[in-house]
Amino acid sequence: MQGEALAGYLSGLQARPARTRGMLFRLPAGYPGLVPSHDGSWVKGELVSVNSMARFTVLDMIEGVDKGLYERAKIPVEIEGQRIQAWAYVMTQKQVKKLGGVPIRSGYWRIVSAASSKE
């Protein structure tokens, strides 16, 4: 997300508010984990328009896809009242539990990361 530690990898790209169904978790290492679900709560985030699939090579490395941390998957996203399919970095419930994830009831990482930066 814009303003986060690794946002520089997406600099110059358009980011728009979006949401999806699922559950968001705060992991002890200080980053979020999204577990998508069709019947979950709303999770708020940003949809970034990536101009080339080649950019995912770098993003996959950053997000630890090759190490099994996240999986890049297409999920349903709502943006500006429309539902589309978009790539997202997601985890399973089992992964989140193993890593000690704590549910973020608001579904909004920005609130959690802002509070963490004040600690």
N, C-alpha and C. Protein backbone atom coordinates (compact mmCIF):
# COMPACT_ATOMS: atom_id res chain seq x y z
N MET A 1 0.83 -1.18 0.00
CA MET A 1 0.00 0.00 0.00
C MET A 1 0.87 1.25 0.00
N GLN A 2 0.33 2.31 -0.54
CA GLN A 2 1.05 3.58 -0.54
C GLN A 2 1.40 3.96 0.89
N GLY A 3 2.63 4.44 1.06
CA GLY A 3 3.08 4.86 2.37
C GLY A 3 3.70 3.75 3.21
N GLU A 4 3.60 2.53 2.77
CA GLU A 4 4.18 1.41 3.51
C GLU A 4 5.65 1.23 3.11
N ALA A 5 6.36 0.41 3.88
CA ALA A 5 7.81 0.25 3.72
C ALA A 5 8.25 -0.14 2.31
N LEU A 6 7.51 -1.00 1.64
CA LEU A 6 7.92 -1.49 0.32
C LEU A 6 7.17 -0.82 -0.83
N ALA A 7 6.49 0.28 -0.56
CA ALA A 7 5.69 0.95 -1.58
C ALA A 7 6.53 1.44 -2.76
N GLY A 8 7.81 1.64 -2.56
CA GLY A 8 8.68 2.12 -3.63
C GLY A 8 8.72 1.20 -4.84
N TYR A 9 8.47 -0.07 -4.62
CA TYR A 9 8.46 -1.01 -5.74
C TYR A 9 7.27 -0.78 -6.67
N LEU A 10 6.30 -0.01 -6.21
CA LEU A 10 5.11 0.29 -7.01
C LEU A 10 5.03 1.78 -7.36
N SER A 11 6.11 2.51 -7.12
CA SER A 11 6.07 3.95 -7.38
C SER A 11 5.79 4.23 -8.85
N GLY A 12 5.01 5.26 -9.08
CA GLY A 12 4.65 5.64 -10.44
C GLY A 12 3.45 4.90 -10.99
N LEU A 13 2.93 3.94 -10.24
CA LEU A 13 1.75 3.18 -10.68
C LEU A 13 0.51 3.71 -9.98
N GLN A 14 -0.60 3.67 -10.67
CA GLN A 14 -1.86 4.15 -10.10
C GLN A 14 -2.39 3.15 -9.08
N ALA A 15 -2.75 3.66 -7.89
CA ALA A 15 -3.35 2.84 -6.84
C ALA A 15 -4.71 3.43 -6.50
N ARG A 16 -5.73 2.56 -6.46
CA ARG A 16 -7.09 3.02 -6.14
C ARG A 16 -7.65 2.18 -5.00
N PRO A 17 -8.50 2.79 -4.16
CA PRO A 17 -9.11 2.02 -3.07
C PRO A 17 -9.94 0.86 -3.63
N ALA A 18 -9.83 -0.29 -2.97
CA ALA A 18 -10.56 -1.49 -3.40
C ALA A 18 -10.85 -2.32 -2.16
N ARG A 19 -11.72 -3.32 -2.33
CA ARG A 19 -11.99 -4.22 -1.22
C ARG A 19 -12.30 -5.61 -1.76
N THR A 20 -12.17 -6.59 -0.86
CA THR A 20 -12.45 -7.98 -1.20
C THR A 20 -12.99 -8.67 0.04
N ARG A 21 -13.56 -9.84 -0.16
CA ARG A 21 -14.06 -10.62 0.97
C ARG A 21 -12.95 -11.51 1.51
N GLY A 22 -12.87 -11.60 2.82
CA GLY A 22 -11.88 -12.46 3.44
C GLY A 22 -11.62 -12.03 4.86
N MET A 23 -10.47 -12.43 5.36
CA MET A 23 -10.06 -12.07 6.72
C MET A 23 -8.62 -11.59 6.66
N LEU A 24 -8.35 -10.50 7.35
CA LEU A 24 -7.02 -9.92 7.38
C LEU A 24 -6.40 -10.20 8.75
N PHE A 25 -5.11 -10.52 8.74
CA PHE A 25 -4.39 -10.84 9.97
C PHE A 25 -3.13 -10.01 10.07
N ARG A 26 -2.78 -9.66 11.30
CA ARG A 26 -1.48 -9.03 11.58
C ARG A 26 -0.56 -10.15 12.03
N LEU A 27 0.55 -10.28 11.32
CA LEU A 27 1.52 -11.32 11.65
C LEU A 27 2.60 -10.74 12.55
N PRO A 28 3.17 -11.53 13.46
CA PRO A 28 4.15 -11.02 14.41
C PRO A 28 5.35 -10.32 13.76
N ALA A 29 5.68 -10.67 12.53
CA ALA A 29 6.81 -10.03 11.85
C ALA A 29 6.47 -8.61 11.39
N GLY A 30 5.20 -8.19 11.56
CA GLY A 30 4.84 -6.80 11.24
C GLY A 30 4.22 -6.58 9.88
N TYR A 31 3.73 -7.62 9.26
CA TYR A 31 3.08 -7.46 7.96
C TYR A 31 1.73 -8.18 7.97
N PRO A 32 0.86 -7.86 6.99
CA PRO A 32 -0.47 -8.46 6.97
C PRO A 32 -0.52 -9.78 6.20
N GLY A 33 -1.55 -10.54 6.50
CA GLY A 33 -1.85 -11.76 5.75
C GLY A 33 -3.32 -11.77 5.41
N LEU A 34 -3.63 -11.90 4.14
CA LEU A 34 -5.02 -11.95 3.66
C LEU A 34 -5.40 -13.40 3.38
N VAL A 35 -6.50 -13.84 3.99
CA VAL A 35 -7.07 -15.14 3.70
C VAL A 35 -8.40 -14.87 3.00
N PRO A 36 -8.45 -15.06 1.66
CA PRO A 36 -9.69 -14.78 0.94
C PRO A 36 -10.80 -15.75 1.30
N SER A 37 -12.04 -15.26 1.23
CA SER A 37 -13.20 -16.09 1.53
C SER A 37 -14.41 -15.45 0.87
N HIS A 38 -15.30 -16.28 0.36
CA HIS A 38 -16.51 -15.74 -0.28
C HIS A 38 -17.50 -15.21 0.75
N ASP A 39 -17.42 -15.71 1.97
CA ASP A 39 -18.37 -15.28 2.99
C ASP A 39 -17.72 -14.50 4.12
N GLY A 40 -16.50 -14.06 3.92
CA GLY A 40 -15.80 -13.32 4.96
C GLY A 40 -16.22 -11.87 5.03
N SER A 41 -15.60 -11.16 5.94
CA SER A 41 -15.82 -9.73 6.09
C SER A 41 -15.14 -9.00 4.94
N TRP A 42 -15.40 -7.72 4.85
CA TRP A 42 -14.71 -6.91 3.83
C TRP A 42 -13.30 -6.59 4.32
N VAL A 43 -12.34 -6.73 3.42
CA VAL A 43 -10.95 -6.34 3.65
C VAL A 43 -10.67 -5.20 2.69
N LYS A 44 -10.20 -4.08 3.25
CA LYS A 44 -9.94 -2.89 2.44
C LYS A 44 -8.47 -2.81 2.07
N GLY A 45 -8.21 -2.36 0.86
CA GLY A 45 -6.84 -2.22 0.42
C GLY A 45 -6.75 -1.33 -0.80
N GLU A 46 -5.78 -1.60 -1.63
CA GLU A 46 -5.58 -0.82 -2.85
C GLU A 46 -5.40 -1.76 -4.03
N LEU A 47 -5.92 -1.33 -5.15
CA LEU A 47 -5.71 -2.03 -6.41
C LEU A 47 -4.71 -1.21 -7.21
N VAL A 48 -3.60 -1.82 -7.53
CA VAL A 48 -2.54 -1.14 -8.29
C VAL A 48 -2.56 -1.66 -9.71
N SER A 49 -2.60 -0.74 -10.66
CA SER A 49 -2.58 -1.11 -12.08
C SER A 49 -1.13 -1.35 -12.50
N VAL A 50 -0.80 -2.62 -12.70
CA VAL A 50 0.56 -3.00 -13.10
C VAL A 50 0.61 -3.03 -14.62
N ASN A 51 1.59 -2.33 -15.19
CA ASN A 51 1.66 -2.18 -16.64
C ASN A 51 2.32 -3.34 -17.37
N SER A 52 2.86 -4.30 -16.63
CA SER A 52 3.52 -5.43 -17.28
C SER A 52 3.55 -6.62 -16.33
N MET A 53 3.23 -7.78 -16.84
CA MET A 53 3.29 -8.99 -16.00
C MET A 53 4.72 -9.26 -15.54
N ALA A 54 5.70 -8.72 -16.25
CA ALA A 54 7.10 -8.91 -15.86
C ALA A 54 7.38 -8.31 -14.48
N ARG A 55 6.63 -7.29 -14.09
CA ARG A 55 6.82 -6.67 -12.78
C ARG A 55 6.53 -7.68 -11.66
N PHE A 56 5.69 -8.66 -11.95
CA PHE A 56 5.37 -9.66 -10.94
C PHE A 56 6.58 -10.53 -10.58
N THR A 57 7.56 -10.62 -11.45
CA THR A 57 8.78 -11.37 -11.13
C THR A 57 9.43 -10.79 -9.88
N VAL A 58 9.55 -9.47 -9.84
CA VAL A 58 10.15 -8.80 -8.69
C VAL A 58 9.21 -8.86 -7.49
N LEU A 59 7.93 -8.57 -7.71
CA LEU A 59 6.97 -8.58 -6.61
C LEU A 59 6.86 -9.97 -5.97
N ASP A 60 6.89 -11.01 -6.79
CA ASP A 60 6.85 -12.38 -6.25
C ASP A 60 8.04 -12.65 -5.33
N MET A 61 9.22 -12.15 -5.71
CA MET A 61 10.41 -12.33 -4.87
C MET A 61 10.24 -11.57 -3.55
N ILE A 62 9.77 -10.33 -3.63
CA ILE A 62 9.58 -9.51 -2.43
C ILE A 62 8.58 -10.16 -1.48
N GLU A 63 7.52 -10.72 -2.04
CA GLU A 63 6.46 -11.31 -1.23
C GLU A 63 6.74 -12.76 -0.81
N GLY A 64 7.88 -13.29 -1.18
CA GLY A 64 8.28 -14.62 -0.72
C GLY A 64 7.50 -15.76 -1.33
N VAL A 65 7.01 -15.59 -2.55
CA VAL A 65 6.25 -16.64 -3.22
C VAL A 65 7.09 -17.91 -3.37
N ASP A 66 8.35 -17.75 -3.75
CA ASP A 66 9.21 -18.92 -3.94
C ASP A 66 9.52 -19.64 -2.62
N LYS A 67 9.35 -18.95 -1.49
CA LYS A 67 9.61 -19.54 -0.18
C LYS A 67 8.33 -20.05 0.48
N GLY A 68 7.21 -19.88 -0.21
CA GLY A 68 5.94 -20.36 0.32
C GLY A 68 5.28 -19.43 1.32
N LEU A 69 5.78 -18.18 1.43
CA LEU A 69 5.17 -17.24 2.37
C LEU A 69 3.78 -16.82 1.88
N TYR A 70 3.73 -16.28 0.69
CA TYR A 70 2.46 -15.91 0.05
C TYR A 70 2.30 -16.69 -1.24
N GLU A 71 1.07 -16.74 -1.71
CA GLU A 71 0.76 -17.26 -3.03
C GLU A 71 0.12 -16.11 -3.80
N ARG A 72 0.49 -15.94 -5.05
CA ARG A 72 -0.18 -14.95 -5.89
C ARG A 72 -1.35 -15.64 -6.55
N ALA A 73 -2.56 -15.13 -6.30
CA ALA A 73 -3.77 -15.76 -6.82
C ALA A 73 -4.74 -14.69 -7.30
N LYS A 74 -5.57 -15.05 -8.27
CA LYS A 74 -6.63 -14.14 -8.71
C LYS A 74 -7.81 -14.29 -7.76
N ILE A 75 -8.27 -13.14 -7.28
CA ILE A 75 -9.40 -13.12 -6.35
C ILE A 75 -10.41 -12.07 -6.81
N PRO A 76 -11.68 -12.20 -6.39
CA PRO A 76 -12.65 -11.17 -6.74
C PRO A 76 -12.42 -9.91 -5.90
N VAL A 77 -12.43 -8.78 -6.58
CA VAL A 77 -12.18 -7.48 -5.96
C VAL A 77 -13.29 -6.53 -6.38
N GLU A 78 -13.71 -5.69 -5.46
CA GLU A 78 -14.69 -4.66 -5.79
C GLU A 78 -13.99 -3.32 -5.82
N ILE A 79 -14.16 -2.61 -6.92
CA ILE A 79 -13.56 -1.29 -7.09
C ILE A 79 -14.55 -0.40 -7.81
N GLU A 80 -14.81 0.74 -7.19
CA GLU A 80 -15.74 1.71 -7.77
C GLU A 80 -17.06 1.06 -8.17
N GLY A 81 -17.58 0.18 -7.32
CA GLY A 81 -18.86 -0.46 -7.56
C GLY A 81 -18.85 -1.61 -8.56
N GLN A 82 -17.70 -1.92 -9.13
CA GLN A 82 -17.59 -3.02 -10.09
C GLN A 82 -16.80 -4.17 -9.46
N ARG A 83 -17.18 -5.39 -9.84
CA ARG A 83 -16.44 -6.58 -9.40
C ARG A 83 -15.56 -7.05 -10.54
N ILE A 84 -14.29 -7.24 -10.21
CA ILE A 84 -13.33 -7.72 -11.20
C ILE A 84 -12.47 -8.80 -10.54
N GLN A 85 -11.69 -9.50 -11.33
CA GLN A 85 -10.69 -10.43 -10.83
C GLN A 85 -9.35 -9.72 -10.85
N ALA A 86 -8.60 -9.84 -9.77
CA ALA A 86 -7.30 -9.17 -9.68
C ALA A 86 -6.31 -10.07 -8.96
N TRP A 87 -5.04 -9.89 -9.27
CA TRP A 87 -4.00 -10.64 -8.59
C TRP A 87 -3.84 -10.10 -7.17
N ALA A 88 -3.61 -10.99 -6.23
CA ALA A 88 -3.36 -10.61 -4.84
C ALA A 88 -2.39 -11.61 -4.22
N TYR A 89 -1.69 -11.16 -3.21
CA TYR A 89 -0.81 -12.05 -2.45
C TYR A 89 -1.59 -12.51 -1.24
N VAL A 90 -1.84 -13.81 -1.18
CA VAL A 90 -2.73 -14.37 -0.16
C VAL A 90 -2.04 -15.48 0.62
N MET A 91 -2.65 -15.81 1.75
CA MET A 91 -2.20 -16.92 2.59
C MET A 91 -3.38 -17.83 2.85
N THR A 92 -3.09 -19.00 3.39
CA THR A 92 -4.15 -19.90 3.83
C THR A 92 -4.35 -19.70 5.33
N GLN A 93 -5.48 -20.17 5.81
CA GLN A 93 -5.77 -20.11 7.24
C GLN A 93 -4.70 -20.87 8.03
N LYS A 94 -4.24 -21.98 7.48
CA LYS A 94 -3.22 -22.79 8.13
C LYS A 94 -1.90 -22.02 8.27
N GLN A 95 -1.52 -21.31 7.21
CA GLN A 95 -0.29 -20.50 7.26
C GLN A 95 -0.38 -19.42 8.33
N VAL A 96 -1.50 -18.71 8.33
CA VAL A 96 -1.69 -17.61 9.27
C VAL A 96 -1.62 -18.12 10.71
N LYS A 97 -2.25 -19.26 10.96
CA LYS A 97 -2.23 -19.84 12.30
C LYS A 97 -0.81 -20.23 12.70
N LYS A 98 -0.10 -20.88 11.78
CA LYS A 98 1.28 -21.31 12.05
C LYS A 98 2.19 -20.12 12.35
N LEU A 99 1.95 -19.00 11.67
CA LEU A 99 2.78 -17.80 11.86
C LEU A 99 2.32 -16.94 13.04
N GLY A 100 1.24 -17.32 13.69
CA GLY A 100 0.76 -16.57 14.86
C GLY A 100 -0.02 -15.32 14.52
N GLY A 101 -0.77 -15.35 13.43
CA GLY A 101 -1.54 -14.19 13.00
C GLY A 101 -2.68 -13.85 13.94
N VAL A 102 -2.90 -12.55 14.11
CA VAL A 102 -3.98 -12.03 14.95
C VAL A 102 -4.98 -11.35 14.02
N PRO A 103 -6.27 -11.70 14.13
CA PRO A 103 -7.27 -11.10 13.24
C PRO A 103 -7.34 -9.58 13.38
N ILE A 104 -7.51 -8.91 12.26
CA ILE A 104 -7.73 -7.46 12.23
C ILE A 104 -9.21 -7.30 11.92
N ARG A 105 -10.00 -7.07 12.93
CA ARG A 105 -11.46 -7.03 12.79
C ARG A 105 -11.95 -5.95 11.83
N SER A 106 -11.24 -4.83 11.76
CA SER A 106 -11.65 -3.74 10.87
C SER A 106 -11.43 -4.10 9.41
N GLY A 107 -10.54 -5.08 9.15
CA GLY A 107 -10.22 -5.44 7.77
C GLY A 107 -9.40 -4.38 7.05
N TYR A 108 -8.77 -3.50 7.82
CA TYR A 108 -8.05 -2.37 7.20
C TYR A 108 -6.65 -2.27 7.77
N TRP A 109 -5.66 -2.64 6.99
CA TRP A 109 -4.27 -2.65 7.43
C TRP A 109 -3.75 -1.26 7.74
N ARG A 110 -4.23 -0.25 7.05
CA ARG A 110 -3.74 1.12 7.23
C ARG A 110 -3.89 1.55 8.70
N ILE A 111 -4.97 1.19 9.35
CA ILE A 111 -5.18 1.56 10.76
C ILE A 111 -4.13 0.88 11.64
N VAL A 112 -3.87 -0.40 11.37
CA VAL A 112 -2.91 -1.16 12.16
C VAL A 112 -1.49 -0.65 11.94
N SER A 113 -1.11 -0.40 10.68
CA SER A 113 0.26 0.04 10.40
C SER A 113 0.50 1.45 10.93
N ALA A 114 -0.53 2.31 10.92
CA ALA A 114 -0.38 3.66 11.46
C ALA A 114 -0.17 3.60 12.97
N ALA A 115 -0.90 2.73 13.66
CA ALA A 115 -0.76 2.58 15.09
C ALA A 115 0.62 2.02 15.43
N SER A 116 1.13 1.09 14.63
CA SER A 116 2.44 0.48 14.86
C SER A 116 3.56 1.49 14.72
N SER A 117 3.41 2.42 13.79
CA SER A 117 4.48 3.39 13.55
C SER A 117 4.57 4.40 14.69
N LYS A 118 3.53 4.51 15.52
CA LYS A 118 3.53 5.44 16.65
C LYS A 118 4.12 4.80 17.90
N GLU A 119 4.27 3.48 17.90
CA GLU A 119 4.78 2.77 19.09
C GLU A 119 6.25 3.02 19.29
